[in-house]
């Protein structure tokens, strides 16, 4: 069955199982990449460790997909944070905050 045909729970289980695979001596495991994916993408780790994890991610389809998915999520969040709410919504929220403040003082 292809990944596109799996339901969410089956896909998550398959990803978790595959991430536990070891890459062999001198390398790193998929679980190590997964554990440090945020630090790797944020350049928040020593260069030697980052290079080792990046080499693994570049050569491992599962870890490459994991990194790509995280980058994609970050792009969506970044894009959604740059949009502004409509003026009517902002006015309604501001009004509700003012009412809440008066009620709690």
PDB file of N, CA and C in Angstrom:
ATOM      1  N   UNK A   1       0.852  -1.173   0.000  1.00  0.00           N
ATOM      2  CA  UNK A   1       0.000   0.000   0.000  1.00  0.00           C
ATOM      3  C   UNK A   1       0.898   1.235   0.000  1.00  0.00           C
ATOM      4  N   UNK A   2       0.604   2.196  -0.825  1.00  0.00           N
ATOM      5  CA  UNK A   2       1.426   3.399  -0.897  1.00  0.00           C
ATOM      6  C   UNK A   2       1.102   4.320   0.276  1.00  0.00           C
ATOM      7  N   UNK A   3       2.059   5.215   0.606  1.00  0.00           N
ATOM      8  CA  UNK A   3       1.849   6.163   1.695  1.00  0.00           C
ATOM      9  C   UNK A   3       0.629   7.036   1.451  1.00  0.00           C
ATOM     10  N   UNK A   4       0.327   7.336   0.202  1.00  0.00           N
ATOM     11  CA  UNK A   4      -0.822   8.182  -0.124  1.00  0.00           C
ATOM     12  C   UNK A   4      -2.128   7.478   0.223  1.00  0.00           C
ATOM     13  N   UNK A   5      -2.125   6.141   0.277  1.00  0.00           N
ATOM     14  CA  UNK A   5      -3.342   5.375   0.540  1.00  0.00           C
ATOM     15  C   UNK A   5      -3.534   5.085   2.027  1.00  0.00           C
ATOM     16  N   UNK A   6      -2.548   5.375   2.870  1.00  0.00           N
ATOM     17  CA  UNK A   6      -2.642   5.100   4.297  1.00  0.00           C
ATOM     18  C   UNK A   6      -3.490   6.154   4.983  1.00  0.00           C
ATOM     19  N   UNK A   7      -4.216   5.739   6.044  1.00  0.00           N
ATOM     20  CA  UNK A   7      -4.891   6.749   6.839  1.00  0.00           C
ATOM     21  C   UNK A   7      -3.870   7.373   7.787  1.00  0.00           C
ATOM     22  N   UNK A   8      -4.249   8.434   8.480  1.00  0.00           N
ATOM     23  CA  UNK A   8      -3.312   9.176   9.330  1.00  0.00           C
ATOM     24  C   UNK A   8      -2.628   8.332  10.377  1.00  0.00           C
ATOM     25  N   UNK A   9      -3.384   7.461  11.076  1.00  0.00           N
ATOM     26  CA  UNK A   9      -2.800   6.626  12.130  1.00  0.00           C
ATOM     27  C   UNK A   9      -1.819   5.607  11.565  1.00  0.00           C
ATOM     28  N   UNK A  10      -2.172   4.994  10.434  1.00  0.00           N
ATOM     29  CA  UNK A  10      -1.277   4.019   9.812  1.00  0.00           C
ATOM     30  C   UNK A  10       0.003   4.689   9.344  1.00  0.00           C
ATOM     31  N   UNK A  11      -0.134   5.868   8.751  1.00  0.00           N
ATOM     32  CA  UNK A  11       1.034   6.593   8.267  1.00  0.00           C
ATOM     33  C   UNK A  11       1.944   6.972   9.438  1.00  0.00           C
ATOM     34  N   UNK A  12       1.353   7.493  10.522  1.00  0.00           N
ATOM     35  CA  UNK A  12       2.147   7.877  11.693  1.00  0.00           C
ATOM     36  C   UNK A  12       2.869   6.669  12.280  1.00  0.00           C
ATOM     37  N   UNK A  13       2.198   5.533  12.350  1.00  0.00           N
ATOM     38  CA  UNK A  13       2.821   4.324  12.882  1.00  0.00           C
ATOM     39  C   UNK A  13       3.973   3.874  11.999  1.00  0.00           C
ATOM     40  N   UNK A  14       3.786   3.945  10.688  1.00  0.00           N
ATOM     41  CA  UNK A  14       4.842   3.539   9.763  1.00  0.00           C
ATOM     42  C   UNK A  14       6.049   4.472   9.868  1.00  0.00           C
ATOM     43  N   UNK A  15       5.789   5.774   9.980  1.00  0.00           N
ATOM     44  CA  UNK A  15       6.888   6.733  10.115  1.00  0.00           C
ATOM     45  C   UNK A  15       7.642   6.483  11.411  1.00  0.00           C
ATOM     46  N   UNK A  16       6.915   6.281  12.520  1.00  0.00           N
ATOM     47  CA  UNK A  16       7.575   6.049  13.805  1.00  0.00           C
ATOM     48  C   UNK A  16       8.406   4.777  13.771  1.00  0.00           C
ATOM     49  N   UNK A  17       7.887   3.714  13.186  1.00  0.00           N
ATOM     50  CA  UNK A  17       8.628   2.455  13.080  1.00  0.00           C
ATOM     51  C   UNK A  17       9.888   2.635  12.251  1.00  0.00           C
ATOM     52  N   UNK A  18       9.753   3.323  11.122  1.00  0.00           N
ATOM     53  CA  UNK A  18      10.903   3.482  10.235  1.00  0.00           C
ATOM     54  C   UNK A  18      11.953   4.409  10.834  1.00  0.00           C
ATOM     55  N   UNK A  19      11.535   5.343  11.670  1.00  0.00           N
ATOM     56  CA  UNK A  19      12.489   6.273  12.269  1.00  0.00           C
ATOM     57  C   UNK A  19      13.381   5.591  13.297  1.00  0.00           C
ATOM     58  N   UNK A  20      12.969   4.439  13.777  1.00  0.00           N
ATOM     59  CA  UNK A  20      13.768   3.729  14.771  1.00  0.00           C
ATOM     60  C   UNK A  20      14.901   2.925  14.129  1.00  0.00           C
ATOM     61  N   UNK A  21      14.921   2.869  12.810  1.00  0.00           N
ATOM     62  CA  UNK A  21      15.975   2.131  12.101  1.00  0.00           C
ATOM     63  C   UNK A  21      17.322   2.800  12.326  1.00  0.00           C
ATOM     64  N   UNK A  22      18.362   1.975  12.388  1.00  0.00           N
ATOM     65  CA  UNK A  22      19.711   2.504  12.607  1.00  0.00           C
ATOM     66  C   UNK A  22      20.450   2.567  11.273  1.00  0.00           C
ATOM     67  N   UNK A  23      21.241   3.604  11.095  1.00  0.00           N
ATOM     68  CA  UNK A  23      21.959   3.776   9.832  1.00  0.00           C
ATOM     69  C   UNK A  23      23.280   3.031   9.804  1.00  0.00           C
ATOM     70  N   UNK A  24      23.697   2.481  10.914  1.00  0.00           N
ATOM     71  CA  UNK A  24      24.931   1.709  10.918  1.00  0.00           C
ATOM     72  C   UNK A  24      26.032   2.392  11.703  1.00  0.00           C
ATOM     73  N   UNK A  25      27.194   1.748  11.790  1.00  0.00           N
ATOM     74  CA  UNK A  25      28.301   2.280  12.573  1.00  0.00           C
ATOM     75  C   UNK A  25      28.816   3.609  12.019  1.00  0.00           C
ATOM     76  N   UNK A  26      29.090   4.523  12.926  1.00  0.00           N
ATOM     77  CA  UNK A  26      29.641   5.820  12.525  1.00  0.00           C
ATOM     78  C   UNK A  26      28.601   6.807  12.041  1.00  0.00           C
ATOM     79  N   UNK A  27      27.397   6.341  11.777  1.00  0.00           N
ATOM     80  CA  UNK A  27      26.331   7.218  11.302  1.00  0.00           C
ATOM     81  C   UNK A  27      25.424   7.597  12.445  1.00  0.00           C
ATOM     82  N   UNK A  28      24.236   7.934  12.106  1.00  0.00           N
ATOM     83  CA  UNK A  28      23.258   8.221  13.135  1.00  0.00           C
ATOM     84  C   UNK A  28      21.954   7.554  12.749  1.00  0.00           C
ATOM     85  N   UNK A  29      21.075   7.424  13.685  1.00  0.00           N
ATOM     86  CA  UNK A  29      19.801   6.775  13.430  1.00  0.00           C
ATOM     87  C   UNK A  29      18.748   7.791  13.019  1.00  0.00           C
ATOM     88  N   UNK A  30      17.713   7.284  12.417  1.00  0.00           N
ATOM     89  CA  UNK A  30      16.588   8.140  12.042  1.00  0.00           C
ATOM     90  C   UNK A  30      15.982   8.775  13.288  1.00  0.00           C
ATOM     91  N   UNK A  31      15.943   8.034  14.392  1.00  0.00           N
ATOM     92  CA  UNK A  31      15.367   8.595  15.614  1.00  0.00           C
ATOM     93  C   UNK A  31      16.219   9.756  16.127  1.00  0.00           C
ATOM     94  N   UNK A  32      17.538   9.707  15.921  1.00  0.00           N
ATOM     95  CA  UNK A  32      18.394  10.824  16.342  1.00  0.00           C
ATOM     96  C   UNK A  32      18.095  12.067  15.500  1.00  0.00           C
ATOM     97  N   UNK A  33      17.917  11.868  14.211  1.00  0.00           N
ATOM     98  CA  UNK A  33      17.562  12.997  13.340  1.00  0.00           C
ATOM     99  C   UNK A  33      16.224  13.574  13.792  1.00  0.00           C
ATOM    100  N   UNK A  34      15.246  12.700  14.036  1.00  0.00           N
ATOM    101  CA  UNK A  34      13.923  13.163  14.462  1.00  0.00           C
ATOM    102  C   UNK A  34      13.996  13.905  15.795  1.00  0.00           C
ATOM    103  N   UNK A  35      14.811  13.404  16.713  1.00  0.00           N
ATOM    104  CA  UNK A  35      14.947  14.047  18.023  1.00  0.00           C
ATOM    105  C   UNK A  35      15.557  15.442  17.933  1.00  0.00           C
ATOM    106  N   UNK A  36      16.370  15.676  16.900  1.00  0.00           N
ATOM    107  CA  UNK A  36      17.097  16.944  16.792  1.00  0.00           C
ATOM    108  C   UNK A  36      16.732  17.755  15.552  1.00  0.00           C
ATOM    109  N   UNK A  37      15.585  17.441  14.928  1.00  0.00           N
ATOM    110  CA  UNK A  37      15.231  18.103  13.679  1.00  0.00           C
ATOM    111  C   UNK A  37      15.078  19.612  13.844  1.00  0.00           C
ATOM    112  N   UNK A  38      14.512  20.050  14.971  1.00  0.00           N
ATOM    113  CA  UNK A  38      14.321  21.483  15.177  1.00  0.00           C
ATOM    114  C   UNK A  38      15.655  22.204  15.311  1.00  0.00           C
ATOM    115  N   UNK A  39      16.565  21.633  16.107  1.00  0.00           N
ATOM    116  CA  UNK A  39      17.886  22.242  16.267  1.00  0.00           C
ATOM    117  C   UNK A  39      18.647  22.251  14.942  1.00  0.00           C
ATOM    118  N   UNK A  40      18.501  21.182  14.174  1.00  0.00           N
ATOM    119  CA  UNK A  40      19.176  21.092  12.874  1.00  0.00           C
ATOM    120  C   UNK A  40      18.674  22.184  11.938  1.00  0.00           C
ATOM    121  N   UNK A  41      17.363  22.317  11.810  1.00  0.00           N
ATOM    122  CA  UNK A  41      16.798  23.309  10.901  1.00  0.00           C
ATOM    123  C   UNK A  41      17.016  24.739  11.381  1.00  0.00           C
ATOM    124  N   UNK A  42      17.145  24.916  12.696  1.00  0.00           N
ATOM    125  CA  UNK A  42      17.369  26.252  13.252  1.00  0.00           C
ATOM    126  C   UNK A  42      18.849  26.592  13.401  1.00  0.00           C
ATOM    127  N   UNK A  43      19.733  25.690  12.954  1.00  0.00           N
ATOM    128  CA  UNK A  43      21.188  25.865  13.089  1.00  0.00           C
ATOM    129  C   UNK A  43      21.562  26.147  14.541  1.00  0.00           C
ATOM    130  N   UNK A  44      21.023  25.342  15.442  1.00  0.00           N
ATOM    131  CA  UNK A  44      21.247  25.515  16.873  1.00  0.00           C
ATOM    132  C   UNK A  44      22.000  24.323  17.475  1.00  0.00           C
ATOM    133  N   UNK A  45      22.994  23.831  16.749  1.00  0.00           N
ATOM    134  CA  UNK A  45      23.792  22.716  17.256  1.00  0.00           C
ATOM    135  C   UNK A  45      25.208  22.843  16.718  1.00  0.00           C
ATOM    136  N   UNK A  46      26.149  22.163  17.355  1.00  0.00           N
ATOM    137  CA  UNK A  46      27.529  22.217  16.863  1.00  0.00           C
ATOM    138  C   UNK A  46      27.614  21.772  15.406  1.00  0.00           C
ATOM    139  N   UNK A  47      28.498  22.394  14.654  1.00  0.00           N
ATOM    140  CA  UNK A  47      28.623  22.148  13.207  1.00  0.00           C
ATOM    141  C   UNK A  47      28.883  20.674  12.903  1.00  0.00           C
ATOM    142  N   UNK A  48      29.735  20.022  13.676  1.00  0.00           N
ATOM    143  CA  UNK A  48      30.065  18.618  13.419  1.00  0.00           C
ATOM    144  C   UNK A  48      28.823  17.734  13.552  1.00  0.00           C
ATOM    145  N   UNK A  49      28.036  17.952  14.593  1.00  0.00           N
ATOM    146  CA  UNK A  49      26.805  17.178  14.782  1.00  0.00           C
ATOM    147  C   UNK A  49      25.806  17.502  13.670  1.00  0.00           C
ATOM    148  N   UNK A  50      25.678  18.763  13.326  1.00  0.00           N
ATOM    149  CA  UNK A  50      24.742  19.166  12.265  1.00  0.00           C
ATOM    150  C   UNK A  50      25.123  18.525  10.935  1.00  0.00           C
ATOM    151  N   UNK A  51      26.414  18.499  10.624  1.00  0.00           N
ATOM    152  CA  UNK A  51      26.872  17.900   9.373  1.00  0.00           C
ATOM    153  C   UNK A  51      26.562  16.408   9.332  1.00  0.00           C
ATOM    154  N   UNK A  52      26.771  15.731  10.467  1.00  0.00           N
ATOM    155  CA  UNK A  52      26.505  14.293  10.548  1.00  0.00           C
ATOM    156  C   UNK A  52      25.015  14.018  10.353  1.00  0.00           C
ATOM    157  N   UNK A  53      24.167  14.778  11.044  1.00  0.00           N
ATOM    158  CA  UNK A  53      22.727  14.596  10.913  1.00  0.00           C
ATOM    159  C   UNK A  53      22.244  14.965   9.510  1.00  0.00           C
ATOM    160  N   UNK A  54      22.823  16.029   8.939  1.00  0.00           N
ATOM    161  CA  UNK A  54      22.426  16.460   7.602  1.00  0.00           C
ATOM    162  C   UNK A  54      22.810  15.418   6.557  1.00  0.00           C
ATOM    163  N   UNK A  55      24.003  14.819   6.713  1.00  0.00           N
ATOM    164  CA  UNK A  55      24.415  13.753   5.787  1.00  0.00           C
ATOM    165  C   UNK A  55      23.409  12.606   5.818  1.00  0.00           C
ATOM    166  N   UNK A  56      23.001  12.248   7.024  1.00  0.00           N
ATOM    167  CA  UNK A  56      22.026  11.163   7.154  1.00  0.00           C
ATOM    168  C   UNK A  56      20.707  11.571   6.498  1.00  0.00           C
ATOM    169  N   UNK A  57      20.221  12.764   6.810  1.00  0.00           N
ATOM    170  CA  UNK A  57      18.945  13.227   6.257  1.00  0.00           C
ATOM    171  C   UNK A  57      18.991  13.305   4.737  1.00  0.00           C
ATOM    172  N   UNK A  58      20.134  13.707   4.196  1.00  0.00           N
ATOM    173  CA  UNK A  58      20.274  13.803   2.742  1.00  0.00           C
ATOM    174  C   UNK A  58      20.240  12.436   2.064  1.00  0.00           C
ATOM    175  N   UNK A  59      20.708  11.397   2.770  1.00  0.00           N
ATOM    176  CA  UNK A  59      20.786  10.064   2.163  1.00  0.00           C
ATOM    177  C   UNK A  59      19.620   9.158   2.553  1.00  0.00           C
ATOM    178  N   UNK A  60      18.782   9.601   3.470  1.00  0.00           N
ATOM    179  CA  UNK A  60      17.679   8.767   3.966  1.00  0.00           C
ATOM    180  C   UNK A  60      16.350   9.369   3.512  1.00  0.00           C
ATOM    181  N   UNK A  61      15.603   8.654   2.708  1.00  0.00           N
ATOM    182  CA  UNK A  61      14.333   9.189   2.219  1.00  0.00           C
ATOM    183  C   UNK A  61      13.358   9.551   3.344  1.00  0.00           C
ATOM    184  N   UNK A  62      13.336   8.750   4.410  1.00  0.00           N
ATOM    185  CA  UNK A  62      12.412   9.029   5.524  1.00  0.00           C
ATOM    186  C   UNK A  62      12.786  10.317   6.231  1.00  0.00           C
ATOM    187  N   UNK A  63      14.068  10.488   6.518  1.00  0.00           N
ATOM    188  CA  UNK A  63      14.506  11.690   7.232  1.00  0.00           C
ATOM    189  C   UNK A  63      14.434  12.920   6.336  1.00  0.00           C
ATOM    190  N   UNK A  64      14.688  12.724   5.073  1.00  0.00           N
ATOM    191  CA  UNK A  64      14.555  13.818   4.120  1.00  0.00           C
ATOM    192  C   UNK A  64      13.104  14.287   4.071  1.00  0.00           C
ATOM    193  N   UNK A  65      12.177  13.342   4.050  1.00  0.00           N
ATOM    194  CA  UNK A  65      10.750  13.685   4.038  1.00  0.00           C
ATOM    195  C   UNK A  65      10.347  14.378   5.338  1.00  0.00           C
ATOM    196  N   UNK A  66      10.909  13.925   6.452  1.00  0.00           N
ATOM    197  CA  UNK A  66      10.626  14.554   7.742  1.00  0.00           C
ATOM    198  C   UNK A  66      11.085  16.010   7.744  1.00  0.00           C
ATOM    199  N   UNK A  67      12.298  16.246   7.274  1.00  0.00           N
ATOM    200  CA  UNK A  67      12.832  17.609   7.222  1.00  0.00           C
ATOM    201  C   UNK A  67      12.015  18.483   6.275  1.00  0.00           C
ATOM    202  N   UNK A  68      11.661  17.929   5.121  1.00  0.00           N
ATOM    203  CA  UNK A  68      10.850  18.681   4.158  1.00  0.00           C
ATOM    204  C   UNK A  68       9.488  19.031   4.743  1.00  0.00           C
ATOM    205  N   UNK A  69       8.892  18.109   5.470  1.00  0.00           N
ATOM    206  CA  UNK A  69       7.584  18.357   6.083  1.00  0.00           C
ATOM    207  C   UNK A  69       7.687  19.477   7.117  1.00  0.00           C
ATOM    208  N   UNK A  70       8.733  19.454   7.925  1.00  0.00           N
ATOM    209  CA  UNK A  70       8.909  20.507   8.940  1.00  0.00           C
ATOM    210  C   UNK A  70       9.133  21.859   8.287  1.00  0.00           C
ATOM    211  N   UNK A  71       9.929  21.894   7.226  1.00  0.00           N
ATOM    212  CA  UNK A  71      10.146  23.151   6.495  1.00  0.00           C
ATOM    213  C   UNK A  71       8.824  23.648   5.923  1.00  0.00           C
ATOM    214  N   UNK A  72       8.027  22.735   5.388  1.00  0.00           N
ATOM    215  CA  UNK A  72       6.729  23.106   4.817  1.00  0.00           C
ATOM    216  C   UNK A  72       5.807  23.688   5.889  1.00  0.00           C
ATOM    217  N   UNK A  73       5.746  23.054   7.059  1.00  0.00           N
ATOM    218  CA  UNK A  73       4.920  23.558   8.163  1.00  0.00           C
ATOM    219  C   UNK A  73       5.383  24.951   8.565  1.00  0.00           C
ATOM    220  N   UNK A  74       6.680  25.146   8.657  1.00  0.00           N
ATOM    221  CA  UNK A  74       7.210  26.467   9.025  1.00  0.00           C
ATOM    222  C   UNK A  74       6.838  27.517   7.995  1.00  0.00           C
ATOM    223  N   UNK A  75       6.863  27.160   6.712  1.00  0.00           N
ATOM    224  CA  UNK A  75       6.470  28.109   5.665  1.00  0.00           C
ATOM    225  C   UNK A  75       4.999  28.479   5.793  1.00  0.00           C
ATOM    226  N   UNK A  76       4.152  27.510   6.089  1.00  0.00           N
ATOM    227  CA  UNK A  76       2.720  27.775   6.260  1.00  0.00           C
ATOM    228  C   UNK A  76       2.493  28.697   7.456  1.00  0.00           C
ATOM    229  N   UNK A  77       3.159  28.398   8.573  1.00  0.00           N
ATOM    230  CA  UNK A  77       3.010  29.232   9.766  1.00  0.00           C
ATOM    231  C   UNK A  77       3.504  30.648   9.487  1.00  0.00           C
ATOM    232  N   UNK A  78       4.654  30.771   8.849  1.00  0.00           N
ATOM    233  CA  UNK A  78       5.221  32.083   8.533  1.00  0.00           C
ATOM    234  C   UNK A  78       4.260  32.876   7.646  1.00  0.00           C
ATOM    235  N   UNK A  79       3.711  32.210   6.653  1.00  0.00           N
ATOM    236  CA  UNK A  79       2.787  32.869   5.728  1.00  0.00           C
ATOM    237  C   UNK A  79       1.501  33.290   6.448  1.00  0.00           C
ATOM    238  N   UNK A  80       0.984  32.434   7.310  1.00  0.00           N
ATOM    239  CA  UNK A  80      -0.264  32.758   8.000  1.00  0.00           C
ATOM    240  C   UNK A  80      -0.063  33.845   9.049  1.00  0.00           C
ATOM    241  N   UNK A  81       1.144  33.962   9.582  1.00  0.00           N
ATOM    242  CA  UNK A  81       1.415  35.000  10.576  1.00  0.00           C
ATOM    243  C   UNK A  81       1.565  36.372   9.935  1.00  0.00           C
ATOM    244  N   UNK A  82       1.804  36.418   8.645  1.00  0.00           N
ATOM    245  CA  UNK A  82       1.992  37.701   7.984  1.00  0.00           C
ATOM    246  C   UNK A  82       0.677  38.290   7.477  1.00  0.00           C
ATOM    247  N   UNK A  83      -0.377  37.494   7.497  1.00  0.00           N
ATOM    248  CA  UNK A  83      -1.679  37.995   7.074  1.00  0.00           C
ATOM    249  C   UNK A  83      -2.308  38.777   8.212  1.00  0.00           C
ATOM    250  N   UNK A  84      -3.030  39.846   7.872  1.00  0.00           N
ATOM    251  CA  UNK A  84      -3.697  40.615   8.923  1.00  0.00           C
ATOM    252  C   UNK A  84      -5.187  40.303   8.913  1.00  0.00           C
ATOM    253  N   UNK A  85      -5.765  40.403  10.089  1.00  0.00           N
ATOM    254  CA  UNK A  85      -7.194  40.142  10.225  1.00  0.00           C
ATOM    255  C   UNK A  85      -7.983  41.295   9.610  1.00  0.00           C
ATOM    256  N   UNK A  86      -9.184  41.016   9.126  1.00  0.00           N
ATOM    257  CA  UNK A  86     -10.020  42.088   8.593  1.00  0.00           C
ATOM    258  C   UNK A  86     -10.309  43.141   9.674  1.00  0.00           C
ATOM    259  N   UNK A  87     -10.491  44.365   9.251  1.00  0.00           N
ATOM    260  CA  UNK A  87     -10.716  45.476  10.182  1.00  0.00           C
ATOM    261  C   UNK A  87     -11.917  45.211  11.089  1.00  0.00           C
ATOM    262  N   UNK A  88     -12.984  44.637  10.552  1.00  0.00           N
ATOM    263  CA  UNK A  88     -14.177  44.384  11.375  1.00  0.00           C
ATOM    264  C   UNK A  88     -13.878  43.381  12.485  1.00  0.00           C
ATOM    265  N   UNK A  89     -13.077  42.372  12.192  1.00  0.00           N
ATOM    266  CA  UNK A  89     -12.707  41.385  13.207  1.00  0.00           C
ATOM    267  C   UNK A  89     -11.838  42.028  14.279  1.00  0.00           C
ATOM    268  N   UNK A  90     -10.861  42.831  13.876  1.00  0.00           N
ATOM    269  CA  UNK A  90     -10.005  43.517  14.850  1.00  0.00           C
ATOM    270  C   UNK A  90     -10.830  44.415  15.761  1.00  0.00           C
ATOM    271  N   UNK A  91     -11.799  45.152  15.188  1.00  0.00           N
ATOM    272  CA  UNK A  91     -12.648  46.040  15.999  1.00  0.00           C
ATOM    273  C   UNK A  91     -13.481  45.231  16.981  1.00  0.00           C
ATOM    274  N   UNK A  92     -14.034  44.097  16.534  1.00  0.00           N
ATOM    275  CA  UNK A  92     -14.853  43.255  17.411  1.00  0.00           C
ATOM    276  C   UNK A  92     -14.011  42.691  18.558  1.00  0.00           C
ATOM    277  N   UNK A  93     -12.806  42.249  18.258  1.00  0.00           N
ATOM    278  CA  UNK A  93     -11.925  41.706  19.304  1.00  0.00           C
ATOM    279  C   UNK A  93     -11.529  42.798  20.284  1.00  0.00           C
ATOM    280  N   UNK A  94     -11.169  43.973  19.774  1.00  0.00           N
ATOM    281  CA  UNK A  94     -10.800  45.094  20.638  1.00  0.00           C
ATOM    282  C   UNK A  94     -11.957  45.449  21.560  1.00  0.00           C
ATOM    283  N   UNK A  95     -13.156  45.469  21.028  1.00  0.00           N
ATOM    284  CA  UNK A  95     -14.347  45.778  21.820  1.00  0.00           C
ATOM    285  C   UNK A  95     -14.554  44.730  22.912  1.00  0.00           C
ATOM    286  N   UNK A  96     -14.394  43.461  22.562  1.00  0.00           N
ATOM    287  CA  UNK A  96     -14.581  42.389  23.541  1.00  0.00           C
ATOM    288  C   UNK A  96     -13.518  42.436  24.630  1.00  0.00           C
ATOM    289  N   UNK A  97     -12.310  42.806  24.277  1.00  0.00           N
ATOM    290  CA  UNK A  97     -11.239  42.953  25.279  1.00  0.00           C
ATOM    291  C   UNK A  97     -11.580  44.080  26.236  1.00  0.00           C
ATOM    292  N   UNK A  98     -12.079  45.201  25.708  1.00  0.00           N
ATOM    293  CA  UNK A  98     -12.458  46.332  26.559  1.00  0.00           C
ATOM    294  C   UNK A  98     -13.571  45.924  27.524  1.00  0.00           C
ATOM    295  N   UNK A  99     -14.566  45.181  27.036  1.00  0.00           N
ATOM    296  CA  UNK A  99     -15.656  44.720  27.905  1.00  0.00           C
ATOM    297  C   UNK A  99     -15.106  43.784  28.966  1.00  0.00           C
ATOM    298  N   UNK A 100     -14.214  42.886  28.588  1.00  0.00           N
ATOM    299  CA  UNK A 100     -13.620  41.943  29.547  1.00  0.00           C
ATOM    300  C   UNK A 100     -12.827  42.688  30.618  1.00  0.00           C
ATOM    301  N   UNK A 101     -12.058  43.664  30.215  1.00  0.00           N
ATOM    302  CA  UNK A 101     -11.262  44.431  31.187  1.00  0.00           C
ATOM    303  C   UNK A 101     -12.146  45.157  32.179  1.00  0.00           C
ATOM    304  N   UNK A 102     -13.235  45.750  31.707  1.00  0.00           N
ATOM    305  CA  UNK A 102     -14.159  46.461  32.607  1.00  0.00           C
ATOM    306  C   UNK A 102     -14.800  45.466  33.579  1.00  0.00           C
ATOM    307  N   UNK A 103     -15.137  44.294  33.101  1.00  0.00           N
ATOM    308  CA  UNK A 103     -15.798  43.312  33.935  1.00  0.00           C
ATOM    309  C   UNK A 103     -14.870  42.702  34.986  1.00  0.00           C
ATOM    310  N   UNK A 104     -13.572  42.690  34.715  1.00  0.00           N
ATOM    311  CA  UNK A 104     -12.622  42.049  35.635  1.00  0.00           C
ATOM    312  C   UNK A 104     -11.895  43.032  36.542  1.00  0.00           C
ATOM    313  N   UNK A 105     -12.177  44.306  36.395  1.00  0.00           N
ATOM    314  CA  UNK A 105     -11.492  45.291  37.259  1.00  0.00           C
ATOM    315  C   UNK A 105     -12.239  45.546  38.510  1.00  0.00           C
TER     316      UNK A 105
END
